[in-house]
Amino acid sequence: MRQARVDQFLALKQGNMSVRQYSLHFDSLARYTPSIVATIRDKIHRLIAGLSPELIQAYATAALQDSMDISRIQAFAQNIERGRHRHQGTERAEQGQRKRMSFPKSQEQSQGSYRT
């Protein structure tokens, strides 16, 4: 069973999980791999390596700071993810607003025919 947990840890990727879910899963499996994550740097590197590709750059840069530990990198990752969700929500709302403000071609043509 222990080797199965090690294998799960080595194959762990964020995929469709939120950063929080990924972090919790990462932490639960990391305890089975003390030799793989022997130092805090090893643990941070492993955590970042499993993140979604579009997130890796931001986290890798943050991890270079000497004061960074695993809980800070996880909190940083969650904050970035929340910001992206807010940004995506704002974009969706703006797109919906633009769609409501513009008339489809068929309506513009029919309105034009009433004016003549």
PDB file of N, CA and C in Angstrom:
ATOM      1  N   MET A   1       0.818  -1.183   0.000  1.00  0.00           N
ATOM      2  CA  MET A   1       0.000   0.000   0.000  1.00  0.00           C
ATOM      3  C   MET A   1       0.876   1.266   0.000  1.00  0.00           C
ATOM      4  N   ARG A   2       1.967   1.203   0.740  1.00  0.00           N
ATOM      5  CA  ARG A   2       2.870   2.358   0.799  1.00  0.00           C
ATOM      6  C   ARG A   2       3.441   2.675  -0.583  1.00  0.00           C
ATOM      7  N   GLN A   3       3.858   1.658  -1.315  1.00  0.00           N
ATOM      8  CA  GLN A   3       4.407   1.885  -2.656  1.00  0.00           C
ATOM      9  C   GLN A   3       3.341   2.457  -3.592  1.00  0.00           C
ATOM     10  N   ALA A   4       2.100   2.038  -3.424  1.00  0.00           N
ATOM     11  CA  ALA A   4       1.016   2.586  -4.246  1.00  0.00           C
ATOM     12  C   ALA A   4       0.853   4.078  -3.976  1.00  0.00           C
ATOM     13  N   ARG A   5       0.978   4.486  -2.715  1.00  0.00           N
ATOM     14  CA  ARG A   5       0.889   5.915  -2.358  1.00  0.00           C
ATOM     15  C   ARG A   5       2.066   6.695  -2.937  1.00  0.00           C
ATOM     16  N   VAL A   6       3.236   6.115  -2.919  1.00  0.00           N
ATOM     17  CA  VAL A   6       4.415   6.761  -3.507  1.00  0.00           C
ATOM     18  C   VAL A   6       4.195   6.948  -5.002  1.00  0.00           C
ATOM     19  N   ASP A   7       3.696   5.918  -5.663  1.00  0.00           N
ATOM     20  CA  ASP A   7       3.414   6.007  -7.098  1.00  0.00           C
ATOM     21  C   ASP A   7       2.363   7.082  -7.390  1.00  0.00           C
ATOM     22  N   GLN A   8       1.335   7.160  -6.559  1.00  0.00           N
ATOM     23  CA  GLN A   8       0.321   8.205  -6.722  1.00  0.00           C
ATOM     24  C   GLN A   8       0.946   9.592  -6.573  1.00  0.00           C
ATOM     25  N   PHE A   9       1.827   9.726  -5.591  1.00  0.00           N
ATOM     26  CA  PHE A   9       2.490  11.008  -5.359  1.00  0.00           C
ATOM     27  C   PHE A   9       3.336  11.404  -6.570  1.00  0.00           C
ATOM     28  N   LEU A  10       4.088  10.462  -7.095  1.00  0.00           N
ATOM     29  CA  LEU A  10       4.958  10.754  -8.234  1.00  0.00           C
ATOM     30  C   LEU A  10       4.160  11.118  -9.490  1.00  0.00           C
ATOM     31  N   ALA A  11       2.961  10.594  -9.623  1.00  0.00           N
ATOM     32  CA  ALA A  11       2.132  10.861 -10.799  1.00  0.00           C
ATOM     33  C   ALA A  11       1.148  12.018 -10.579  1.00  0.00           C
ATOM     34  N   LEU A  12       1.123  12.599  -9.395  1.00  0.00           N
ATOM     35  CA  LEU A  12       0.128  13.611  -9.060  1.00  0.00           C
ATOM     36  C   LEU A  12       0.282  14.877  -9.897  1.00  0.00           C
ATOM     37  N   LYS A  13      -0.811  15.278 -10.522  1.00  0.00           N
ATOM     38  CA  LYS A  13      -0.906  16.517 -11.296  1.00  0.00           C
ATOM     39  C   LYS A  13      -2.182  17.221 -10.885  1.00  0.00           C
ATOM     40  N   GLN A  14      -2.200  18.541 -11.009  1.00  0.00           N
ATOM     41  CA  GLN A  14      -3.377  19.306 -10.621  1.00  0.00           C
ATOM     42  C   GLN A  14      -4.583  18.951 -11.475  1.00  0.00           C
ATOM     43  N   GLY A  15      -4.410  18.882 -12.776  1.00  0.00           N
ATOM     44  CA  GLY A  15      -5.513  18.542 -13.666  1.00  0.00           C
ATOM     45  C   GLY A  15      -6.714  19.438 -13.456  1.00  0.00           C
ATOM     46  N   ASN A  16      -7.871  18.861 -13.194  1.00  0.00           N
ATOM     47  CA  ASN A  16      -9.113  19.614 -13.000  1.00  0.00           C
ATOM     48  C   ASN A  16      -9.344  20.032 -11.548  1.00  0.00           C
ATOM     49  N   MET A  17      -8.421  19.678 -10.656  1.00  0.00           N
ATOM     50  CA  MET A  17      -8.583  20.047  -9.253  1.00  0.00           C
ATOM     51  C   MET A  17      -8.286  21.530  -9.053  1.00  0.00           C
ATOM     52  N   SER A  18      -8.900  22.108  -8.039  1.00  0.00           N
ATOM     53  CA  SER A  18      -8.529  23.472  -7.652  1.00  0.00           C
ATOM     54  C   SER A  18      -7.147  23.389  -7.000  1.00  0.00           C
ATOM     55  N   VAL A  19      -6.510  24.522  -6.834  1.00  0.00           N
ATOM     56  CA  VAL A  19      -5.196  24.537  -6.183  1.00  0.00           C
ATOM     57  C   VAL A  19      -5.332  24.002  -4.760  1.00  0.00           C
ATOM     58  N   ARG A  20      -6.407  24.373  -4.092  1.00  0.00           N
ATOM     59  CA  ARG A  20      -6.619  23.897  -2.717  1.00  0.00           C
ATOM     60  C   ARG A  20      -6.750  22.377  -2.678  1.00  0.00           C
ATOM     61  N   GLN A  21      -7.560  21.810  -3.561  1.00  0.00           N
ATOM     62  CA  GLN A  21      -7.729  20.360  -3.603  1.00  0.00           C
ATOM     63  C   GLN A  21      -6.400  19.674  -3.921  1.00  0.00           C
ATOM     64  N   TYR A  22      -5.691  20.224  -4.889  1.00  0.00           N
ATOM     65  CA  TYR A  22      -4.395  19.667  -5.266  1.00  0.00           C
ATOM     66  C   TYR A  22      -3.428  19.713  -4.082  1.00  0.00           C
ATOM     67  N   SER A  23      -3.377  20.840  -3.381  1.00  0.00           N
ATOM     68  CA  SER A  23      -2.481  20.992  -2.233  1.00  0.00           C
ATOM     69  C   SER A  23      -2.801  19.986  -1.129  1.00  0.00           C
ATOM     70  N   LEU A  24      -4.085  19.816  -0.856  1.00  0.00           N
ATOM     71  CA  LEU A  24      -4.489  18.853   0.184  1.00  0.00           C
ATOM     72  C   LEU A  24      -4.101  17.431  -0.209  1.00  0.00           C
ATOM     73  N   HIS A  25      -4.343  17.088  -1.459  1.00  0.00           N
ATOM     74  CA  HIS A  25      -3.983  15.752  -1.955  1.00  0.00           C
ATOM     75  C   HIS A  25      -2.457  15.574  -1.920  1.00  0.00           C
ATOM     76  N   PHE A  26      -1.751  16.617  -2.340  1.00  0.00           N
ATOM     77  CA  PHE A  26      -0.290  16.603  -2.324  1.00  0.00           C
ATOM     78  C   PHE A  26       0.218  16.343  -0.903  1.00  0.00           C
ATOM     79  N   ASP A  27      -0.300  17.105   0.068  1.00  0.00           N
ATOM     80  CA  ASP A  27       0.141  16.951   1.461  1.00  0.00           C
ATOM     81  C   ASP A  27      -0.162  15.561   2.009  1.00  0.00           C
ATOM     82  N   SER A  28      -1.322  15.013   1.668  1.00  0.00           N
ATOM     83  CA  SER A  28      -1.680  13.695   2.193  1.00  0.00           C
ATOM     84  C   SER A  28      -0.779  12.596   1.631  1.00  0.00           C
ATOM     85  N   LEU A  29      -0.328  12.775   0.387  1.00  0.00           N
ATOM     86  CA  LEU A  29       0.553  11.759  -0.211  1.00  0.00           C
ATOM     87  C   LEU A  29       2.029  11.992   0.115  1.00  0.00           C
ATOM     88  N   ALA A  30       2.412  13.232   0.358  1.00  0.00           N
ATOM     89  CA  ALA A  30       3.827  13.557   0.609  1.00  0.00           C
ATOM     90  C   ALA A  30       4.372  12.857   1.856  1.00  0.00           C
ATOM     91  N   ARG A  31       3.525  12.578   2.804  1.00  0.00           N
ATOM     92  CA  ARG A  31       4.013  11.922   4.030  1.00  0.00           C
ATOM     93  C   ARG A  31       4.522  10.504   3.773  1.00  0.00           C
ATOM     94  N   TYR A  32       4.134   9.918   2.634  1.00  0.00           N
ATOM     95  CA  TYR A  32       4.617   8.582   2.266  1.00  0.00           C
ATOM     96  C   TYR A  32       5.956   8.641   1.522  1.00  0.00           C
ATOM     97  N   THR A  33       6.435   9.853   1.229  1.00  0.00           N
ATOM     98  CA  THR A  33       7.644   9.997   0.416  1.00  0.00           C
ATOM     99  C   THR A  33       8.692  10.890   1.091  1.00  0.00           C
ATOM    100  N   PRO A  34       9.083  10.573   2.328  1.00  0.00           N
ATOM    101  CA  PRO A  34      10.012  11.464   3.028  1.00  0.00           C
ATOM    102  C   PRO A  34      11.368  11.609   2.327  1.00  0.00           C
ATOM    103  N   SER A  35      11.801  10.609   1.605  1.00  0.00           N
ATOM    104  CA  SER A  35      13.095  10.727   0.927  1.00  0.00           C
ATOM    105  C   SER A  35      12.994  11.589  -0.334  1.00  0.00           C
ATOM    106  N   ILE A  36      11.821  11.666  -0.933  1.00  0.00           N
ATOM    107  CA  ILE A  36      11.629  12.453  -2.157  1.00  0.00           C
ATOM    108  C   ILE A  36      11.469  13.931  -1.829  1.00  0.00           C
ATOM    109  N   VAL A  37      10.820  14.216  -0.723  1.00  0.00           N
ATOM    110  CA  VAL A  37      10.619  15.611  -0.300  1.00  0.00           C
ATOM    111  C   VAL A  37      11.347  15.852   1.023  1.00  0.00           C
ATOM    112  N   ALA A  38      12.630  15.537   1.024  1.00  0.00           N
ATOM    113  CA  ALA A  38      13.438  15.623   2.242  1.00  0.00           C
ATOM    114  C   ALA A  38      13.618  17.053   2.732  1.00  0.00           C
ATOM    115  N   THR A  39      13.688  17.997   1.813  1.00  0.00           N
ATOM    116  CA  THR A  39      13.854  19.401   2.203  1.00  0.00           C
ATOM    117  C   THR A  39      12.631  20.198   1.756  1.00  0.00           C
ATOM    118  N   ILE A  40      12.490  21.378   2.307  1.00  0.00           N
ATOM    119  CA  ILE A  40      11.371  22.242   1.926  1.00  0.00           C
ATOM    120  C   ILE A  40      11.478  22.617   0.450  1.00  0.00           C
ATOM    121  N   ARG A  41      12.688  22.818  -0.051  1.00  0.00           N
ATOM    122  CA  ARG A  41      12.890  23.134  -1.474  1.00  0.00           C
ATOM    123  C   ARG A  41      12.419  21.981  -2.355  1.00  0.00           C
ATOM    124  N   ASP A  42      12.719  20.758  -1.946  1.00  0.00           N
ATOM    125  CA  ASP A  42      12.265  19.587  -2.707  1.00  0.00           C
ATOM    126  C   ASP A  42      10.739  19.530  -2.747  1.00  0.00           C
ATOM    127  N   LYS A  43      10.131  19.806  -1.598  1.00  0.00           N
ATOM    128  CA  LYS A  43       8.672  19.747  -1.501  1.00  0.00           C
ATOM    129  C   LYS A  43       8.035  20.836  -2.367  1.00  0.00           C
ATOM    130  N   ILE A  44       8.564  22.056  -2.314  1.00  0.00           N
ATOM    131  CA  ILE A  44       8.037  23.150  -3.131  1.00  0.00           C
ATOM    132  C   ILE A  44       8.199  22.834  -4.615  1.00  0.00           C
ATOM    133  N   HIS A  45       9.379  22.334  -4.982  1.00  0.00           N
ATOM    134  CA  HIS A  45       9.628  21.989  -6.385  1.00  0.00           C
ATOM    135  C   HIS A  45       8.621  20.944  -6.872  1.00  0.00           C
ATOM    136  N   ARG A  46       8.386  19.914  -6.066  1.00  0.00           N
ATOM    137  CA  ARG A  46       7.432  18.865  -6.433  1.00  0.00           C
ATOM    138  C   ARG A  46       6.019  19.411  -6.563  1.00  0.00           C
ATOM    139  N   LEU A  47       5.635  20.283  -5.616  1.00  0.00           N
ATOM    140  CA  LEU A  47       4.300  20.878  -5.644  1.00  0.00           C
ATOM    141  C   LEU A  47       4.113  21.678  -6.927  1.00  0.00           C
ATOM    142  N   ILE A  48       5.070  22.515  -7.257  1.00  0.00           N
ATOM    143  CA  ILE A  48       4.989  23.363  -8.445  1.00  0.00           C
ATOM    144  C   ILE A  48       4.982  22.531  -9.721  1.00  0.00           C
ATOM    145  N   ALA A  49       5.772  21.480  -9.752  1.00  0.00           N
ATOM    146  CA  ALA A  49       5.866  20.639 -10.949  1.00  0.00           C
ATOM    147  C   ALA A  49       4.526  19.996 -11.317  1.00  0.00           C
ATOM    148  N   GLY A  50       3.655  19.792 -10.343  1.00  0.00           N
ATOM    149  CA  GLY A  50       2.376  19.159 -10.614  1.00  0.00           C
ATOM    150  C   GLY A  50       1.249  20.129 -10.938  1.00  0.00           C
ATOM    151  N   LEU A  51       1.525  21.426 -10.843  1.00  0.00           N
ATOM    152  CA  LEU A  51       0.493  22.426 -11.131  1.00  0.00           C
ATOM    153  C   LEU A  51       0.172  22.478 -12.613  1.00  0.00           C
ATOM    154  N   SER A  52      -0.945  23.114 -12.921  1.00  0.00           N
ATOM    155  CA  SER A  52      -1.324  23.321 -14.323  1.00  0.00           C
ATOM    156  C   SER A  52      -0.238  24.123 -15.017  1.00  0.00           C
ATOM    157  N   PRO A  53       0.071  23.809 -16.270  1.00  0.00           N
ATOM    158  CA  PRO A  53       1.164  24.472 -16.983  1.00  0.00           C
ATOM    159  C   PRO A  53       1.074  26.001 -16.994  1.00  0.00           C
ATOM    160  N   GLU A  54      -0.137  26.539 -17.111  1.00  0.00           N
ATOM    161  CA  GLU A  54      -0.262  27.994 -17.166  1.00  0.00           C
ATOM    162  C   GLU A  54       0.034  28.656 -15.820  1.00  0.00           C
ATOM    163  N   LEU A  55       0.066  27.891 -14.747  1.00  0.00           N
ATOM    164  CA  LEU A  55       0.331  28.448 -13.421  1.00  0.00           C
ATOM    165  C   LEU A  55       1.778  28.290 -12.974  1.00  0.00           C
ATOM    166  N   ILE A  56       2.491  27.391 -13.574  1.00  0.00           N
ATOM    167  CA  ILE A  56       3.838  27.049 -13.112  1.00  0.00           C
ATOM    168  C   ILE A  56       4.767  28.259 -13.086  1.00  0.00           C
ATOM    169  N   GLN A  57       4.763  29.093 -14.112  1.00  0.00           N
ATOM    170  CA  GLN A  57       5.690  30.222 -14.187  1.00  0.00           C
ATOM    171  C   GLN A  57       5.551  31.158 -12.986  1.00  0.00           C
ATOM    172  N   ALA A  58       4.333  31.544 -12.654  1.00  0.00           N
ATOM    173  CA  ALA A  58       4.107  32.463 -11.532  1.00  0.00           C
ATOM    174  C   ALA A  58       4.576  31.853 -10.223  1.00  0.00           C
ATOM    175  N   TYR A  59       4.320  30.587 -10.008  1.00  0.00           N
ATOM    176  CA  TYR A  59       4.677  29.949  -8.760  1.00  0.00           C
ATOM    177  C   TYR A  59       6.170  29.678  -8.665  1.00  0.00           C
ATOM    178  N   ALA A  60       6.775  29.323  -9.772  1.00  0.00           N
ATOM    179  CA  ALA A  60       8.212  29.058  -9.776  1.00  0.00           C
ATOM    180  C   ALA A  60       8.974  30.315  -9.391  1.00  0.00           C
ATOM    181  N   THR A  61       8.530  31.462  -9.872  1.00  0.00           N
ATOM    182  CA  THR A  61       9.172  32.730  -9.526  1.00  0.00           C
ATOM    183  C   THR A  61       9.002  33.024  -8.042  1.00  0.00           C
ATOM    184  N   ALA A  62       7.820  32.819  -7.514  1.00  0.00           N
ATOM    185  CA  ALA A  62       7.568  33.061  -6.089  1.00  0.00           C
ATOM    186  C   ALA A  62       8.396  32.115  -5.216  1.00  0.00           C
ATOM    187  N   ALA A  63       8.595  30.894  -5.677  1.00  0.00           N
ATOM    188  CA  ALA A  63       9.324  29.902  -4.889  1.00  0.00           C
ATOM    189  C   ALA A  63      10.802  30.242  -4.740  1.00  0.00           C
ATOM    190  N   LEU A  64      11.318  31.135  -5.565  1.00  0.00           N
ATOM    191  CA  LEU A  64      12.733  31.506  -5.477  1.00  0.00           C
ATOM    192  C   LEU A  64      13.044  32.356  -4.245  1.00  0.00           C
ATOM    193  N   GLN A  65      12.020  32.936  -3.648  1.00  0.00           N
ATOM    194  CA  GLN A  65      12.236  33.764  -2.465  1.00  0.00           C
ATOM    195  C   GLN A  65      12.670  32.891  -1.287  1.00  0.00           C
ATOM    196  N   ASP A  66      13.672  33.356  -0.549  1.00  0.00           N
ATOM    197  CA  ASP A  66      14.188  32.586   0.588  1.00  0.00           C
ATOM    198  C   ASP A  66      13.157  32.386   1.692  1.00  0.00           C
ATOM    199  N   SER A  67      12.251  33.332   1.851  1.00  0.00           N
ATOM    200  CA  SER A  67      11.268  33.246   2.933  1.00  0.00           C
ATOM    201  C   SER A  67      10.091  32.335   2.597  1.00  0.00           C
ATOM    202  N   MET A  68      10.061  31.787   1.404  1.00  0.00           N
ATOM    203  CA  MET A  68       8.924  30.989   0.959  1.00  0.00           C
ATOM    204  C   MET A  68       8.974  29.590   1.572  1.00  0.00           C
ATOM    205  N   ASP A  69       7.868  29.190   2.177  1.00  0.00           N
ATOM    206  CA  ASP A  69       7.733  27.817   2.643  1.00  0.00           C
ATOM    207  C   ASP A  69       6.518  27.197   1.956  1.00  0.00           C
ATOM    208  N   ILE A  70       6.237  25.957   2.260  1.00  0.00           N
ATOM    209  CA  ILE A  70       5.194  25.241   1.526  1.00  0.00           C
ATOM    210  C   ILE A  70       3.817  25.852   1.768  1.00  0.00           C
ATOM    211  N   SER A  71       3.527  26.265   2.983  1.00  0.00           N
ATOM    212  CA  SER A  71       2.204  26.841   3.247  1.00  0.00           C
ATOM    213  C   SER A  71       2.045  28.188   2.547  1.00  0.00           C
ATOM    214  N   ARG A  72       3.116  28.966   2.468  1.00  0.00           N
ATOM    215  CA  ARG A  72       3.044  30.253   1.763  1.00  0.00           C
ATOM    216  C   ARG A  72       2.866  30.058   0.260  1.00  0.00           C
ATOM    217  N   ILE A  73       3.557  29.089  -0.308  1.00  0.00           N
ATOM    218  CA  ILE A  73       3.425  28.854  -1.748  1.00  0.00           C
ATOM    219  C   ILE A  73       2.007  28.348  -2.050  1.00  0.00           C
ATOM    220  N   GLN A  74       1.428  27.545  -1.166  1.00  0.00           N
ATOM    221  CA  GLN A  74       0.065  27.068  -1.364  1.00  0.00           C
ATOM    222  C   GLN A  74      -0.929  28.231  -1.264  1.00  0.00           C
ATOM    223  N   ALA A  75      -0.735  29.103  -0.294  1.00  0.00           N
ATOM    224  CA  ALA A  75      -1.611  30.279  -0.153  1.00  0.00           C
ATOM    225  C   ALA A  75      -1.461  31.207  -1.360  1.00  0.00           C
ATOM    226  N   PHE A  76      -0.229  31.392  -1.815  1.00  0.00           N
ATOM    227  CA  PHE A  76       0.033  32.221  -2.990  1.00  0.00           C
ATOM    228  C   PHE A  76      -0.699  31.645  -4.202  1.00  0.00           C
ATOM    229  N   ALA A  77      -0.611  30.334  -4.369  1.00  0.00           N
ATOM    230  CA  ALA A  77      -1.265  29.669  -5.497  1.00  0.00           C
ATOM    231  C   ALA A  77      -2.775  29.838  -5.419  1.00  0.00           C
ATOM    232  N   GLN A  78      -3.346  29.711  -4.239  1.00  0.00           N
ATOM    233  CA  GLN A  78      -4.791  29.867  -4.089  1.00  0.00           C
ATOM    234  C   GLN A  78      -5.224  31.302  -4.394  1.00  0.00           C
ATOM    235  N   ASN A  79      -4.431  32.280  -3.977  1.00  0.00           N
ATOM    236  CA  ASN A  79      -4.753  33.682  -4.262  1.00  0.00           C
ATOM    237  C   ASN A  79      -4.721  33.968  -5.756  1.00  0.00           C
ATOM    238  N   ILE A  80      -3.734  33.438  -6.441  1.00  0.00           N
ATOM    239  CA  ILE A  80      -3.647  33.624  -7.895  1.00  0.00           C
ATOM    240  C   ILE A  80      -4.864  32.988  -8.562  1.00  0.00           C
ATOM    241  N   GLU A  81      -5.218  31.794  -8.129  1.00  0.00           N
ATOM    242  CA  GLU A  81      -6.364  31.097  -8.715  1.00  0.00           C
ATOM    243  C   GLU A  81      -7.656  31.891  -8.473  1.00  0.00           C
ATOM    244  N   ARG A  82      -7.846  32.413  -7.261  1.00  0.00           N
ATOM    245  CA  ARG A  82      -9.036  33.218  -6.968  1.00  0.00           C
ATOM    246  C   ARG A  82      -9.090  34.450  -7.869  1.00  0.00           C
ATOM    247  N   GLY A  83      -7.939  35.104  -8.043  1.00  0.00           N
ATOM    248  CA  GLY A  83      -7.875  36.277  -8.908  1.00  0.00           C
ATOM    249  C   GLY A  83      -8.238  35.944 -10.336  1.00  0.00           C
ATOM    250  N   ARG A  84      -7.793  34.815 -10.814  1.00  0.00           N
ATOM    251  CA  ARG A  84      -8.125  34.400 -12.185  1.00  0.00           C
ATOM    252  C   ARG A  84      -9.610  34.104 -12.336  1.00  0.00           C
ATOM    253  N   HIS A  85     -10.195  33.476 -11.307  1.00  0.00           N
ATOM    254  CA  HIS A  85     -11.632  33.191 -11.364  1.00  0.00           C
ATOM    255  C   HIS A  85     -12.431  34.491 -11.366  1.00  0.00           C
ATOM    256  N   ARG A  86     -12.014  35.456 -10.549  1.00  0.00           N
ATOM    257  CA  ARG A  86     -12.698  36.750 -10.534  1.00  0.00           C
ATOM    258  C   ARG A  86     -12.579  37.436 -11.882  1.00  0.00           C
ATOM    259  N   HIS A  87     -11.394  37.393 -12.465  1.00  0.00           N
ATOM    260  CA  HIS A  87     -11.157  38.022 -13.763  1.00  0.00           C
ATOM    261  C   HIS A  87     -12.014  37.364 -14.843  1.00  0.00           C
ATOM    262  N   GLN A  88     -12.082  36.042 -14.820  1.00  0.00           N
ATOM    263  CA  GLN A  88     -12.900  35.322 -15.801  1.00  0.00           C
ATOM    264  C   GLN A  88     -14.376  35.655 -15.614  1.00  0.00           C
ATOM    265  N   GLY A  89     -14.832  35.788 -14.380  1.00  0.00           N
ATOM    266  CA  GLY A  89     -16.220  36.146 -14.106  1.00  0.00           C
ATOM    267  C   GLY A  89     -16.538  37.538 -14.615  1.00  0.00           C
ATOM    268  N   THR A  90     -15.607  38.462 -14.438  1.00  0.00           N
ATOM    269  CA  THR A  90     -15.789  39.830 -14.924  1.00  0.00           C
ATOM    270  C   THR A  90     -15.852  39.846 -16.447  1.00  0.00           C
ATOM    271  N   GLU A  91     -14.973  39.096 -17.088  1.00  0.00           N
ATOM    272  CA  GLU A  91     -14.982  39.030 -18.549  1.00  0.00           C
ATOM    273  C   GLU A  91     -16.296  38.464 -19.068  1.00  0.00           C
ATOM    274  N   ARG A  92     -16.797  37.414 -18.422  1.00  0.00           N
ATOM    275  CA  ARG A  92     -18.066  36.816 -18.847  1.00  0.00           C
ATOM    276  C   ARG A  92     -19.213  37.807 -18.702  1.00  0.00           C
ATOM    277  N   ALA A  93     -19.208  38.538 -17.609  1.00  0.00           N
ATOM    278  CA  ALA A  93     -20.270  39.537 -17.383  1.00  0.00           C
ATOM    279  C   ALA A  93     -20.202  40.632 -18.438  1.00  0.00           C
ATOM    280  N   GLU A  94     -18.991  41.071 -18.770  1.00  0.00           N
ATOM    281  CA  GLU A  94     -18.831  42.115 -19.794  1.00  0.00           C
ATOM    282  C   GLU A  94     -19.269  41.610 -21.162  1.00  0.00           C
ATOM    283  N   GLN A  95     -18.954  40.370 -21.474  1.00  0.00           N
ATOM    284  CA  GLN A  95     -19.365  39.802 -22.759  1.00  0.00           C
ATOM    285  C   GLN A  95     -20.883  39.705 -22.831  1.00  0.00           C
ATOM    286  N   GLY A  96     -21.518  39.294 -21.750  1.00  0.00           N
ATOM    287  CA  GLY A  96     -22.965  39.218 -21.719  1.00  0.00           C
ATOM    288  C   GLY A  96     -23.604  40.583 -21.881  1.00  0.00           C
ATOM    289  N   GLN A  97     -23.003  41.572 -21.275  1.00  0.00           N
ATOM    290  CA  GLN A  97     -23.525  42.928 -21.382  1.00  0.00           C
ATOM    291  C   GLN A  97     -23.391  43.437 -22.816  1.00  0.00           C
ATOM    292  N   ARG A  98     -22.263  43.162 -23.462  1.00  0.00           N
ATOM    293  CA  ARG A  98     -22.078  43.586 -24.856  1.00  0.00           C
ATOM    294  C   ARG A  98     -23.083  42.898 -25.769  1.00  0.00           C
ATOM    295  N   LYS A  99     -23.359  41.625 -25.513  1.00  0.00           N
ATOM    296  CA  LYS A  99     -24.319  40.887 -26.343  1.00  0.00           C
ATOM    297  C   LYS A  99     -25.719  41.466 -26.198  1.00  0.00           C
ATOM    298  N   ARG A 100     -26.101  41.844 -24.989  1.00  0.00           N
ATOM    299  CA  ARG A 100     -27.437  42.409 -24.781  1.00  0.00           C
ATOM    300  C   ARG A 100     -27.577  43.774 -25.439  1.00  0.00           C
ATOM    301  N   MET A 101     -26.476  44.505 -25.551  1.00  0.00           N
ATOM    302  CA  MET A 101     -26.523  45.852 -26.098  1.00  0.00           C
ATOM    303  C   MET A 101     -26.541  45.872 -27.621  1.00  0.00           C
ATOM    304  N   SER A 102     -26.075  44.822 -28.265  1.00  0.00           N
ATOM    305  CA  SER A 102     -26.033  44.812 -29.732  1.00  0.00           C
ATOM    306  C   SER A 102     -27.201  44.002 -30.277  1.00  0.00           C
ATOM    307  N   PHE A 103     -27.737  44.453 -31.405  1.00  0.00           N
ATOM    308  CA  PHE A 103     -28.832  43.761 -32.069  1.00  0.00           C
ATOM    309  C   PHE A 103     -28.276  42.781 -33.078  1.00  0.00           C
ATOM    310  N   PRO A 104     -28.894  41.628 -33.208  1.00  0.00           N
ATOM    311  CA  PRO A 104     -28.507  40.735 -34.299  1.00  0.00           C
ATOM    312  C   PRO A 104     -28.861  41.384 -35.635  1.00  0.00           C
ATOM    313  N   LYS A 105     -28.214  40.988 -36.690  1.00  0.00           N
ATOM    314  CA  LYS A 105     -28.414  41.556 -38.034  1.00  0.00           C
ATOM    315  C   LYS A 105     -29.880  41.523 -38.443  1.00  0.00           C
ATOM    316  N   SER A 106     -30.567  40.441 -38.192  1.00  0.00           N
ATOM    317  CA  SER A 106     -31.960  40.323 -38.623  1.00  0.00           C
ATOM    318  C   SER A 106     -32.838  41.370 -37.948  1.00  0.00           C
ATOM    319  N   GLN A 107     -32.590  41.685 -36.685  1.00  0.00           N
ATOM    320  CA  GLN A 107     -33.375  42.705 -35.992  1.00  0.00           C
ATOM    321  C   GLN A 107     -33.069  44.094 -36.522  1.00  0.00           C
ATOM    322  N   GLU A 108     -31.792  44.364 -36.827  1.00  0.00           N
ATOM    323  CA  GLU A 108     -31.424  45.678 -37.363  1.00  0.00           C
ATOM    324  C   GLU A 108     -32.121  45.927 -38.699  1.00  0.00           C
ATOM    325  N   GLN A 109     -32.162  44.876 -39.535  1.00  0.00           N
ATOM    326  CA  GLN A 109     -32.786  45.024 -40.850  1.00  0.00           C
ATOM    327  C   GLN A 109     -34.288  45.203 -40.710  1.00  0.00           C
ATOM    328  N   SER A 110     -34.910  44.454 -39.792  1.00  0.00           N
ATOM    329  CA  SER A 110     -36.357  44.582 -39.645  1.00  0.00           C
ATOM    330  C   SER A 110     -36.717  45.939 -39.035  1.00  0.00           C
ATOM    331  N   GLN A 111     -35.896  46.449 -38.136  1.00  0.00           N
ATOM    332  CA  GLN A 111     -36.161  47.761 -37.564  1.00  0.00           C
ATOM    333  C   GLN A 111     -36.022  48.836 -38.628  1.00  0.00           C
ATOM    334  N   GLY A 112     -35.049  48.666 -39.506  1.00  0.00           N
ATOM    335  CA  GLY A 112     -34.853  49.633 -40.580  1.00  0.00           C
ATOM    336  C   GLY A 112     -36.047  49.675 -41.505  1.00  0.00           C
ATOM    337  N   SER A 113     -36.714  48.546 -41.741  1.00  0.00           N
ATOM    338  CA  SER A 113     -37.842  48.521 -42.659  1.00  0.00           C
ATOM    339  C   SER A 113     -39.059  49.212 -42.050  1.00  0.00           C
ATOM    340  N   TYR A 114     -39.175  49.254 -40.716  1.00  0.00           N
ATOM    341  CA  TYR A 114     -40.284  49.956 -40.086  1.00  0.00           C
ATOM    342  C   TYR A 114     -40.119  51.463 -40.174  1.00  0.00           C
ATOM    343  N   ARG A 115     -38.917  51.912 -40.288  1.00  0.00           N
ATOM    344  CA  ARG A 115     -38.647  53.349 -40.308  1.00  0.00           C
ATOM    345  C   ARG A 115     -38.967  53.963 -41.667  1.00  0.00           C
ATOM    346  N   THR A 116     -39.054  53.226 -42.701  1.00  0.00           N
ATOM    347  CA  THR A 116     -39.307  53.784 -44.032  1.00  0.00           C
ATOM    348  C   THR A 116     -40.751  54.023 -44.301  1.00  0.00           C
TER     349      THR A 116
END
